[in-house]
Amino acid sequence: MMETQSSVHLSCFIEAIALAKHEQCETRDELKALLEQKGYKDTVASHAVEEISPQYLAAF
């Protein structure tokens, strides 16, 4: 079960980077909302978004 959770977290983090790069996400809240729309649970989306620095979002 731990491996499955790790896979989901990794998948969500990768998706967060892709969304930040290709979507107009200016805030962490916008990115989190997009991840939740993609089907990730609130806690998983929140954790992934916390790992992405605000400067990264602004860079795109």
C-alpha atoms as a PDB file:
ATOM      1  CA  MET A   1       0.000   0.000   0.000  1.00  0.00           C
ATOM      2  CA  MET A   2       2.852   2.383   0.756  1.00  0.00           C
ATOM      3  CA  GLU A   3       4.211   1.908  -2.768  1.00  0.00           C
ATOM      4  CA  THR A   4       0.822   2.789  -4.233  1.00  0.00           C
ATOM      5  CA  GLN A   5       0.634   5.960  -2.145  1.00  0.00           C
ATOM      6  CA  SER A   6       4.154   6.907  -3.204  1.00  0.00           C
ATOM      7  CA  SER A   7       3.223   6.361  -6.835  1.00  0.00           C
ATOM      8  CA  VAL A   8       0.157   8.576  -6.492  1.00  0.00           C
ATOM      9  CA  HIS A   9       2.174  11.323  -4.812  1.00  0.00           C
ATOM     10  CA  LEU A  10       4.889  11.137  -7.470  1.00  0.00           C
ATOM     11  CA  SER A  11       2.314  11.147 -10.255  1.00  0.00           C
ATOM     12  CA  CYS A  12       0.583  14.163  -8.735  1.00  0.00           C
ATOM     13  CA  PHE A  13       3.877  16.024  -8.342  1.00  0.00           C
ATOM     14  CA  ILE A  14       4.809  15.375 -11.978  1.00  0.00           C
ATOM     15  CA  GLU A  15       1.354  16.492 -13.088  1.00  0.00           C
ATOM     16  CA  ALA A  16       1.696  19.627 -10.950  1.00  0.00           C
ATOM     17  CA  ILE A  17       4.923  20.551 -12.728  1.00  0.00           C
ATOM     18  CA  ALA A  18       3.342  19.931 -16.129  1.00  0.00           C
ATOM     19  CA  LEU A  19       0.275  22.000 -15.244  1.00  0.00           C
ATOM     20  CA  ALA A  20       2.401  24.822 -13.874  1.00  0.00           C
ATOM     21  CA  LYS A  21       4.367  24.832 -17.110  1.00  0.00           C
ATOM     22  CA  HIS A  22       1.454  24.625 -19.555  1.00  0.00           C
ATOM     23  CA  GLU A  23      -1.435  26.307 -17.746  1.00  0.00           C
ATOM     24  CA  GLN A  24      -1.754  29.874 -16.539  1.00  0.00           C
ATOM     25  CA  CYS A  25      -1.308  29.075 -12.843  1.00  0.00           C
ATOM     26  CA  GLU A  26      -0.206  32.129 -10.950  1.00  0.00           C
ATOM     27  CA  THR A  27      -0.921  30.846  -7.453  1.00  0.00           C
ATOM     28  CA  ARG A  28      -0.668  27.616  -5.554  1.00  0.00           C
ATOM     29  CA  ASP A  29      -4.435  27.647  -5.026  1.00  0.00           C
ATOM     30  CA  GLU A  30      -5.037  27.678  -8.788  1.00  0.00           C
ATOM     31  CA  LEU A  31      -2.634  24.794  -9.261  1.00  0.00           C
ATOM     32  CA  LYS A  32      -4.222  22.825  -6.422  1.00  0.00           C
ATOM     33  CA  ALA A  33      -7.676  23.352  -7.934  1.00  0.00           C
ATOM     34  CA  LEU A  34      -6.458  22.020 -11.301  1.00  0.00           C
ATOM     35  CA  LEU A  35      -4.971  18.945  -9.635  1.00  0.00           C
ATOM     36  CA  GLU A  36      -8.234  18.293  -7.812  1.00  0.00           C
ATOM     37  CA  GLN A  37     -10.105  18.624 -11.119  1.00  0.00           C
ATOM     38  CA  LYS A  38      -7.763  15.928 -12.460  1.00  0.00           C
ATOM     39  CA  GLY A  39      -8.969  13.633  -9.673  1.00  0.00           C
ATOM     40  CA  TYR A  40      -6.275  13.926  -7.012  1.00  0.00           C
ATOM     41  CA  LYS A  41      -7.412  14.028  -3.401  1.00  0.00           C
ATOM     42  CA  ASP A  42      -7.120  17.279  -1.473  1.00  0.00           C
ATOM     43  CA  THR A  43      -4.269  16.084   0.734  1.00  0.00           C
ATOM     44  CA  VAL A  44      -2.246  14.698  -2.165  1.00  0.00           C
ATOM     45  CA  ALA A  45      -2.757  17.857  -4.230  1.00  0.00           C
ATOM     46  CA  SER A  46      -1.852  20.067  -1.271  1.00  0.00           C
ATOM     47  CA  HIS A  47       1.352  18.147  -0.630  1.00  0.00           C
ATOM     48  CA  ALA A  48       2.427  18.321  -4.281  1.00  0.00           C
ATOM     49  CA  VAL A  49       1.708  22.041  -4.485  1.00  0.00           C
ATOM     50  CA  GLU A  50       3.684  22.707  -1.290  1.00  0.00           C
ATOM     51  CA  GLU A  51       6.736  21.195  -2.960  1.00  0.00           C
ATOM     52  CA  ILE A  52       6.620  23.630  -5.871  1.00  0.00           C
ATOM     53  CA  SER A  53       8.133  27.003  -5.116  1.00  0.00           C
ATOM     54  CA  PRO A  54       6.134  30.143  -5.924  1.00  0.00           C
ATOM     55  CA  GLN A  55       9.016  31.320  -8.120  1.00  0.00           C
ATOM     56  CA  TYR A  56       8.525  28.259 -10.322  1.00  0.00           C
ATOM     57  CA  LEU A  57       4.896  29.175 -10.903  1.00  0.00           C
ATOM     58  CA  ALA A  58       5.802  32.744 -11.786  1.00  0.00           C
ATOM     59  CA  ALA A  59       8.575  31.637 -14.153  1.00  0.00           C
ATOM     60  CA  PHE A  60       6.105  30.319 -16.707  1.00  0.00           C
END
